[in-house]
Amino acid sequence: MGKGVLALVLAACLASASASATAAETFPDHAVTLVAGTSRGGITDVVTRAYAEAVSKELKQPVVVENRPSESGGQAATYVQAAAADGYTLLVFSGAQHASLPAIRAPGYDPVKGFAPITTLFTLVNFLAVPGNSPADSFDRLLALGRMKPGGLVFGSSGLGSTSHLTAARLAQSTNIQVNSVHYAGAAPMIADLVSGKLDFTFVSYTVAKPYAQNGRIRLLAVDALDRWPDLPSLPTLKQAGLSQEKVASWFALAAPARTPAPVVARLNDAFVKASRDPMLIRIARENGALVTTTTPRELQSNIARETDAAAALVAALHIKP
């Protein structure tokens, strides 16, 4: 390489570094948008909005939530991947769903190369629920119902490749019971079909399940978590109920479009980590069956890569199709 060309390359690198530093110094100077692939009112939306309020205090700029619901969150991910890499348009996503969808079909985004990871936001706890009048009053009896019912059990999924979908698929595989998944873009229509008996079972968040369980319209059989939920100590975990399978990742995280300047990513990580200590945010998350948790961008990058590989292997093993 000639000296002239080398000088131009060095000048370009210095200019790029200078631009990144300037971007970090002035970031943010207007509103930041968090794009979620789920509908308004669900657990992801509720906790994301609590985060937005807490982070706006740290960034001293408005932080708004934009819902772009689709069957599996792919529309939101595709939109954010194509957005300007300036830190003002960010994606809130499910670890399992974000990783598994590309293994099932071509979604228009790359879960690893298409994004600059920022931090994990929270881990979601889900509950195995059946209609209130279901003959299945325990996990064992749900399995017995699946063995007797022609065509198997009908399951309500929160989206193709979602945590609930993969958990149900593993349940079917490990128990040798046929499970037919119906995918929903939001919790409201799914819970309505569960209450009416169109679904045999589903996995729902605490905030969705609580009022329906209290009035007897649905029945909770187990919690999909490593430990029993403190508010429902008599409810067993799936493992305690008899399901011996590896837990599907149930964490949600935040990412920017790829090529977002590293100083901007660091600024966002710092703001969200500080916001995660907000008592109001922690309380809202807990009330909705979520545990606030954060990571470094590097840790999240590793988690996404690992989950993407695991999801691809799981989808192949379970023969999951669109």
Foldseek 3Di string as FASTA:
>chain_A
DDPVVVVVVVVVVVVVVVVLVVLLVCPPPEEAEEEEQADDPALLNLLVVLLQVLLCVVRVYHYYYDYNHDQQRLVRQLVQLPDDLRRRYKYKHWLQSLQQVVLFDPSNADSQQFWQFQKWWWFFKKFKKAFLPDPDQAPVVLLVCQVPDVQGFEEEAQHVRHQFVLVVLLQCVQSVGDYHYDTDRHDVVSVVCRLVRVGGIYIGWLVSVPVCCVVSRMHTHAMQDPADQPVCNVHHHPVVSPDDDDRQGRIIGMIGTPPNRPSSSNSSNVSSVVSLPDPVSQVSQSNGRIHTDIDGSVVVSVSSVVSNVVSSVSCVVSVDHD
